[in-house]
Amino acid sequence: LTLGLVTVMTTGFYGIKHFDAEDAQVQETTQ
């Protein structure tokens, strides 16, 4: 999923260009 550059002043210190769904999973209760 491609996102626009997030500015330092609105969300913090990182410009997020994308996030990638890895095949990672975590357990939360039974889901």
All heavy atoms as atom14 arrays in JSON, in Angstrom:
{
  "sequence": "LTLGLVTVMTTGFYGIKHFDAEDAQVQETTQ",
  "atom14_mask": [
    [1, 1, 1, 1, 1, 1, 1, 1, 0, 0, 0, 0, 0, 0],
    [1, 1, 1, 1, 1, 1, 1, 0, 0, 0, 0, 0, 0, 0],
    [1, 1, 1, 1, 1, 1, 1, 1, 0, 0, 0, 0, 0, 0],
    [1, 1, 1, 1, 0, 0, 0, 0, 0, 0, 0, 0, 0, 0],
    [1, 1, 1, 1, 1, 1, 1, 1, 0, 0, 0, 0, 0, 0],
    [1, 1, 1, 1, 1, 1, 1, 0, 0, 0, 0, 0, 0, 0],
    [1, 1, 1, 1, 1, 1, 1, 0, 0, 0, 0, 0, 0, 0],
    [1, 1, 1, 1, 1, 1, 1, 0, 0, 0, 0, 0, 0, 0],
    [1, 1, 1, 1, 1, 1, 1, 1, 0, 0, 0, 0, 0, 0],
    [1, 1, 1, 1, 1, 1, 1, 0, 0, 0, 0, 0, 0, 0],
    [1, 1, 1, 1, 1, 1, 1, 0, 0, 0, 0, 0, 0, 0],
    [1, 1, 1, 1, 0, 0, 0, 0, 0, 0, 0, 0, 0, 0],
    [1, 1, 1, 1, 1, 1, 1, 1, 1, 1, 1, 0, 0, 0],
    [1, 1, 1, 1, 1, 1, 1, 1, 1, 1, 1, 1, 0, 0],
    [1, 1, 1, 1, 0, 0, 0, 0, 0, 0, 0, 0, 0, 0],
    [1, 1, 1, 1, 1, 1, 1, 1, 0, 0, 0, 0, 0, 0],
    [1, 1, 1, 1, 1, 1, 1, 1, 1, 0, 0, 0, 0, 0],
    [1, 1, 1, 1, 1, 1, 1, 1, 1, 1, 0, 0, 0, 0],
    [1, 1, 1, 1, 1, 1, 1, 1, 1, 1, 1, 0, 0, 0],
    [1, 1, 1, 1, 1, 1, 1, 1, 0, 0, 0, 0, 0, 0],
    [1, 1, 1, 1, 1, 0, 0, 0, 0, 0, 0, 0, 0, 0],
    [1, 1, 1, 1, 1, 1, 1, 1, 1, 0, 0, 0, 0, 0],
    [1, 1, 1, 1, 1, 1, 1, 1, 0, 0, 0, 0, 0, 0],
    [1, 1, 1, 1, 1, 0, 0, 0, 0, 0, 0, 0, 0, 0],
    [1, 1, 1, 1, 1, 1, 1, 1, 1, 0, 0, 0, 0, 0],
    [1, 1, 1, 1, 1, 1, 1, 0, 0, 0, 0, 0, 0, 0],
    [1, 1, 1, 1, 1, 1, 1, 1, 1, 0, 0, 0, 0, 0],
    [1, 1, 1, 1, 1, 1, 1, 1, 1, 0, 0, 0, 0, 0],
    [1, 1, 1, 1, 1, 1, 1, 0, 0, 0, 0, 0, 0, 0],
    [1, 1, 1, 1, 1, 1, 1, 0, 0, 0, 0, 0, 0, 0],
    [1, 1, 1, 1, 1, 1, 1, 1, 1, 0, 0, 0, 0, 0]
  ],
  "atom14_positions": [
    [[0.85, -1.17, 0.0], [0.0, 0.0, 0.0], [0.89, 1.23, 0.0], [1.73, 1.38, 0.87], [-0.9, -0.01, 1.24], [-1.84, 1.16, 1.43], [-2.84, 1.21, 0.28], [-2.6, 0.99, 2.73], [0.0, 0.0, 0.0], [0.0, 0.0, 0.0], [0.0, 0.0, 0.0], [0.0, 0.0, 0.0], [0.0, 0.0, 0.0], [0.0, 0.0, 0.0]],
    [[0.75, 2.06, -1.01], [1.59, 3.24, -1.1], [0.88, 4.42, -0.45], [-0.27, 4.69, -0.73], [1.88, 3.58, -2.58], [2.48, 2.43, -3.17], [2.81, 4.76, -2.69], [0.0, 0.0, 0.0], [0.0, 0.0, 0.0], [0.0, 0.0, 0.0], [0.0, 0.0, 0.0], [0.0, 0.0, 0.0], [0.0, 0.0, 0.0], [0.0, 0.0, 0.0]],
    [[1.6, 5.07, 0.43], [1.07, 6.23, 1.13], [1.88, 7.45, 0.75], [3.06, 7.34, 0.4], [1.18, 6.03, 2.64], [0.44, 4.82, 3.21], [0.77, 4.66, 4.69], [-1.03, 4.99, 3.03], [0.0, 0.0, 0.0], [0.0, 0.0, 0.0], [0.0, 0.0, 0.0], [0.0, 0.0, 0.0], [0.0, 0.0, 0.0], [0.0, 0.0, 0.0]],
    [[1.31, 8.59, 0.85], [2.05, 9.82, 0.61], [3.04, 10.05, 1.73], [2.95, 9.46, 2.79], [0.0, 0.0, 0.0], [0.0, 0.0, 0.0], [0.0, 0.0, 0.0], [0.0, 0.0, 0.0], [0.0, 0.0, 0.0], [0.0, 0.0, 0.0], [0.0, 0.0, 0.0], [0.0, 0.0, 0.0], [0.0, 0.0, 0.0], [0.0, 0.0, 0.0]],
    [[3.99, 10.91, 1.51], [4.98, 11.24, 2.52], [4.29, 11.94, 3.67], [3.56, 12.9, 3.49], [6.05, 12.14, 1.91], [7.23, 12.48, 2.79], [8.0, 11.18, 3.11], [8.14, 13.45, 2.09], [0.0, 0.0, 0.0], [0.0, 0.0, 0.0], [0.0, 0.0, 0.0], [0.0, 0.0, 0.0], [0.0, 0.0, 0.0], [0.0, 0.0, 0.0]],
    [[4.51, 11.45, 4.87], [3.92, 12.03, 6.07], [4.91, 13.04, 6.61], [6.07, 12.73, 6.82], [3.64, 10.94, 7.12], [3.01, 11.54, 8.36], [2.72, 9.89, 6.54], [0.0, 0.0, 0.0], [0.0, 0.0, 0.0], [0.0, 0.0, 0.0], [0.0, 0.0, 0.0], [0.0, 0.0, 0.0], [0.0, 0.0, 0.0], [0.0, 0.0, 0.0]],
    [[4.47, 14.25, 6.84], [5.41, 15.3, 7.24], [5.84, 15.16, 8.68], [5.16, 14.58, 9.51], [4.78, 16.7, 7.06], [3.71, 16.82, 7.98], [4.3, 16.93, 5.65], [0.0, 0.0, 0.0], [0.0, 0.0, 0.0], [0.0, 0.0, 0.0], [0.0, 0.0, 0.0], [0.0, 0.0, 0.0], [0.0, 0.0, 0.0], [0.0, 0.0, 0.0]],
    [[7.0, 15.72, 8.97], [7.57, 15.68, 10.31], [6.65, 16.38, 11.3], [6.48, 15.94, 12.42], [8.96, 16.37, 10.31], [9.48, 16.53, 11.72], [9.93, 15.59, 9.47], [0.0, 0.0, 0.0], [0.0, 0.0, 0.0], [0.0, 0.0, 0.0], [0.0, 0.0, 0.0], [0.0, 0.0, 0.0], [0.0, 0.0, 0.0], [0.0, 0.0, 0.0]],
    [[6.04, 17.45, 10.9], [5.26, 18.25, 11.84], [3.91, 17.61, 12.18], [3.36, 17.88, 13.22], [5.04, 19.67, 11.3], [6.34, 20.42, 11.12], [7.43, 20.38, 12.56], [6.51, 21.41, 13.68], [0.0, 0.0, 0.0], [0.0, 0.0, 0.0], [0.0, 0.0, 0.0], [0.0, 0.0, 0.0], [0.0, 0.0, 0.0], [0.0, 0.0, 0.0]],
    [[3.35, 16.78, 11.32], [2.03, 16.22, 11.64], [2.1, 14.89, 12.35], [1.34, 14.65, 13.26], [1.15, 16.06, 10.39], [1.81, 15.21, 9.47], [0.83, 17.38, 9.76], [0.0, 0.0, 0.0], [0.0, 0.0, 0.0], [0.0, 0.0, 0.0], [0.0, 0.0, 0.0], [0.0, 0.0, 0.0], [0.0, 0.0, 0.0], [0.0, 0.0, 0.0]],
    [[3.01, 14.01, 11.94], [3.0, 12.7, 12.59], [4.29, 12.33, 13.24], [4.36, 11.3, 13.88], [2.62, 11.59, 11.59], [3.57, 11.58, 10.56], [1.24, 11.76, 11.06], [0.0, 0.0, 0.0], [0.0, 0.0, 0.0], [0.0, 0.0, 0.0], [0.0, 0.0, 0.0], [0.0, 0.0, 0.0], [0.0, 0.0, 0.0], [0.0, 0.0, 0.0]],
    [[5.32, 13.09, 13.09], [6.52, 12.75, 13.81], [7.77, 12.79, 12.98], [8.0, 13.75, 12.26], [0.0, 0.0, 0.0], [0.0, 0.0, 0.0], [0.0, 0.0, 0.0], [0.0, 0.0, 0.0], [0.0, 0.0, 0.0], [0.0, 0.0, 0.0], [0.0, 0.0, 0.0], [0.0, 0.0, 0.0], [0.0, 0.0, 0.0], [0.0, 0.0, 0.0]],
    [[8.57, 11.75, 13.06], [9.93, 11.78, 12.59], [10.19, 10.96, 11.35], [11.27, 10.98, 10.83], [10.84, 11.29, 13.71], [10.66, 12.1, 14.94], [9.76, 11.73, 15.91], [11.35, 13.28, 15.1], [9.58, 12.51, 17.03], [11.18, 14.06, 16.22], [10.29, 13.67, 17.18], [0.0, 0.0, 0.0], [0.0, 0.0, 0.0], [0.0, 0.0, 0.0]],
    [[9.22, 10.2, 10.91], [9.44, 9.32, 9.78], [8.46, 9.65, 8.68], [7.28, 9.84, 8.93], [9.22, 7.86, 10.19], [10.35, 7.3, 10.98], [10.39, 7.39, 12.35], [11.42, 6.69, 10.33], [11.45, 6.87, 13.07], [12.49, 6.18, 11.05], [12.49, 6.27, 12.42], [13.55, 5.77, 13.12], [0.0, 0.0, 0.0], [0.0, 0.0, 0.0]],
    [[8.96, 9.76, 7.46], [8.1, 9.86, 6.3], [7.79, 8.43, 5.88], [8.67, 7.7, 5.51], [0.0, 0.0, 0.0], [0.0, 0.0, 0.0], [0.0, 0.0, 0.0], [0.0, 0.0, 0.0], [0.0, 0.0, 0.0], [0.0, 0.0, 0.0], [0.0, 0.0, 0.0], [0.0, 0.0, 0.0], [0.0, 0.0, 0.0], [0.0, 0.0, 0.0]],
    [[6.55, 8.05, 5.97], [6.2, 6.67, 5.66], [5.85, 6.59, 4.19], [4.9, 7.2, 3.74], [5.02, 6.2, 6.52], [5.4, 6.3, 7.99], [4.59, 4.81, 6.14], [4.27, 6.11, 8.92], [0.0, 0.0, 0.0], [0.0, 0.0, 0.0], [0.0, 0.0, 0.0], [0.0, 0.0, 0.0], [0.0, 0.0, 0.0], [0.0, 0.0, 0.0]],
    [[6.64, 5.84, 3.44], [6.4, 5.71, 2.01], [5.51, 4.53, 1.7], [4.77, 4.56, 0.75], [7.72, 5.6, 1.27], [8.51, 6.9, 1.34], [9.61, 6.92, 0.35], [10.25, 8.29, 0.38], [11.25, 8.44, -0.62], [0.0, 0.0, 0.0], [0.0, 0.0, 0.0], [0.0, 0.0, 0.0], [0.0, 0.0, 0.0], [0.0, 0.0, 0.0]],
    [[5.61, 3.47, 2.46], [4.74, 2.32, 2.24], [4.78, 1.42, 3.47], [5.64, 1.56, 4.3], [5.18, 1.52, 1.01], [6.47, 0.79, 1.21], [7.69, 1.4, 1.02], [6.74, -0.47, 1.59], [8.64, 0.53, 1.25], [8.1, -0.61, 1.61], [0.0, 0.0, 0.0], [0.0, 0.0, 0.0], [0.0, 0.0, 0.0], [0.0, 0.0, 0.0]],
    [[3.8, 0.57, 3.56], [3.95, -0.52, 4.49], [3.6, -1.8, 3.79], [2.84, -1.84, 2.85], [3.2, -0.32, 5.81], [1.72, -0.18, 5.76], [0.89, -1.28, 5.91], [1.13, 1.06, 5.62], [-0.48, -1.15, 5.92], [-0.24, 1.19, 5.63], [-1.05, 0.09, 5.77], [0.0, 0.0, 0.0], [0.0, 0.0, 0.0], [0.0, 0.0, 0.0]],
    [[4.26, -2.84, 4.2], [4.28, -4.09, 3.49], [3.75, -5.19, 4.39], [4.21, -5.35, 5.5], [5.74, -4.36, 3.13], [5.89, -5.36, 2.01], [4.88, -5.88, 1.54], [7.05, -5.59, 1.62], [0.0, 0.0, 0.0], [0.0, 0.0, 0.0], [0.0, 0.0, 0.0], [0.0, 0.0, 0.0], [0.0, 0.0, 0.0], [0.0, 0.0, 0.0]],
    [[2.77, -5.92, 3.95], [2.21, -7.01, 4.75], [3.12, -8.21, 4.64], [3.21, -8.83, 3.6], [0.81, -7.36, 4.26], [0.0, 0.0, 0.0], [0.0, 0.0, 0.0], [0.0, 0.0, 0.0], [0.0, 0.0, 0.0], [0.0, 0.0, 0.0], [0.0, 0.0, 0.0], [0.0, 0.0, 0.0], [0.0, 0.0, 0.0], [0.0, 0.0, 0.0]],
    [[3.82, -8.5, 5.7], [4.67, -9.68, 5.74], [3.78, -10.85, 6.14], [2.67, -10.68, 6.6], [5.79, -9.48, 6.77], [6.69, -8.28, 6.49], [7.48, -8.41, 5.21], [7.76, -9.54, 4.78], [7.82, -7.37, 4.63], [0.0, 0.0, 0.0], [0.0, 0.0, 0.0], [0.0, 0.0, 0.0], [0.0, 0.0, 0.0], [0.0, 0.0, 0.0]],
    [[4.25, -12.04, 5.98], [3.48, -13.21, 6.37], [3.59, -13.46, 7.87], [3.58, -14.6, 8.32], [3.94, -14.44, 5.59], [3.5, -14.36, 4.14], [2.54, -13.63, 3.85], [4.13, -15.03, 3.32], [0.0, 0.0, 0.0], [0.0, 0.0, 0.0], [0.0, 0.0, 0.0], [0.0, 0.0, 0.0], [0.0, 0.0, 0.0], [0.0, 0.0, 0.0]],
    [[3.69, -12.39, 8.63], [3.8, -12.5, 10.08], [2.41, -12.48, 10.7], [1.49, -11.87, 10.19], [4.61, -11.33, 10.62], [0.0, 0.0, 0.0], [0.0, 0.0, 0.0], [0.0, 0.0, 0.0], [0.0, 0.0, 0.0], [0.0, 0.0, 0.0], [0.0, 0.0, 0.0], [0.0, 0.0, 0.0], [0.0, 0.0, 0.0], [0.0, 0.0, 0.0]],
    [[2.29, -13.19, 11.79], [1.03, -13.21, 12.53], [1.34, -13.12, 14.01], [2.38, -13.55, 14.46], [0.27, -14.51, 12.28], [-0.16, -14.71, 10.87], [-0.91, -16.02, 10.72], [-1.01, -16.81, 11.64], [-1.43, -16.25, 9.54], [0.0, 0.0, 0.0], [0.0, 0.0, 0.0], [0.0, 0.0, 0.0], [0.0, 0.0, 0.0], [0.0, 0.0, 0.0]],
    [[0.41, -12.53, 14.75], [0.51, -12.56, 16.19], [-0.81, -13.11, 16.71], [-1.83, -13.03, 16.03], [0.77, -11.16, 16.81], [2.11, -10.64, 16.4], [-0.31, -10.17, 16.42], [0.0, 0.0, 0.0], [0.0, 0.0, 0.0], [0.0, 0.0, 0.0], [0.0, 0.0, 0.0], [0.0, 0.0, 0.0], [0.0, 0.0, 0.0], [0.0, 0.0, 0.0]],
    [[-0.79, -13.65, 17.88], [-2.02, -14.17, 18.48], [-2.59, -13.13, 19.43], [-1.88, -12.58, 20.26], [-1.73, -15.46, 19.27], [-1.3, -16.6, 18.41], [-2.45, -17.13, 17.55], [-3.61, -17.04, 17.91], [-2.1, -17.65, 16.4], [0.0, 0.0, 0.0], [0.0, 0.0, 0.0], [0.0, 0.0, 0.0], [0.0, 0.0, 0.0], [0.0, 0.0, 0.0]],
    [[-3.85, -12.85, 19.31], [-4.54, -12.01, 20.27], [-5.74, -12.82, 20.72], [-6.64, -13.06, 19.92], [-4.98, -10.69, 19.63], [-5.7, -9.8, 20.61], [-6.09, -8.49, 19.99], [-5.22, -7.61, 19.93], [-7.25, -8.35, 19.58], [0.0, 0.0, 0.0], [0.0, 0.0, 0.0], [0.0, 0.0, 0.0], [0.0, 0.0, 0.0], [0.0, 0.0, 0.0]],
    [[-5.74, -13.25, 21.93], [-6.7, -14.23, 22.46], [-6.73, -15.42, 21.5], [-5.73, -16.05, 21.29], [-8.08, -13.6, 22.73], [-8.64, -13.07, 21.53], [-8.01, -12.51, 23.76], [0.0, 0.0, 0.0], [0.0, 0.0, 0.0], [0.0, 0.0, 0.0], [0.0, 0.0, 0.0], [0.0, 0.0, 0.0], [0.0, 0.0, 0.0], [0.0, 0.0, 0.0]],
    [[-7.86, -15.67, 20.84], [-7.92, -16.82, 19.94], [-7.94, -16.41, 18.48], [-8.02, -17.24, 17.6], [-9.19, -17.66, 20.22], [-10.33, -16.83, 20.03], [-9.16, -18.22, 21.63], [0.0, 0.0, 0.0], [0.0, 0.0, 0.0], [0.0, 0.0, 0.0], [0.0, 0.0, 0.0], [0.0, 0.0, 0.0], [0.0, 0.0, 0.0], [0.0, 0.0, 0.0]],
    [[-7.84, -15.11, 18.21], [-7.95, -14.61, 16.84], [-6.57, -14.28, 16.29], [-5.75, -13.66, 16.95], [-8.82, -13.35, 16.84], [-9.03, -12.75, 15.49], [-9.84, -11.47, 15.58], [-10.06, -10.94, 16.65], [-10.27, -10.97, 14.45], [0.0, 0.0, 0.0], [0.0, 0.0, 0.0], [0.0, 0.0, 0.0], [0.0, 0.0, 0.0], [0.0, 0.0, 0.0]]
  ]
}
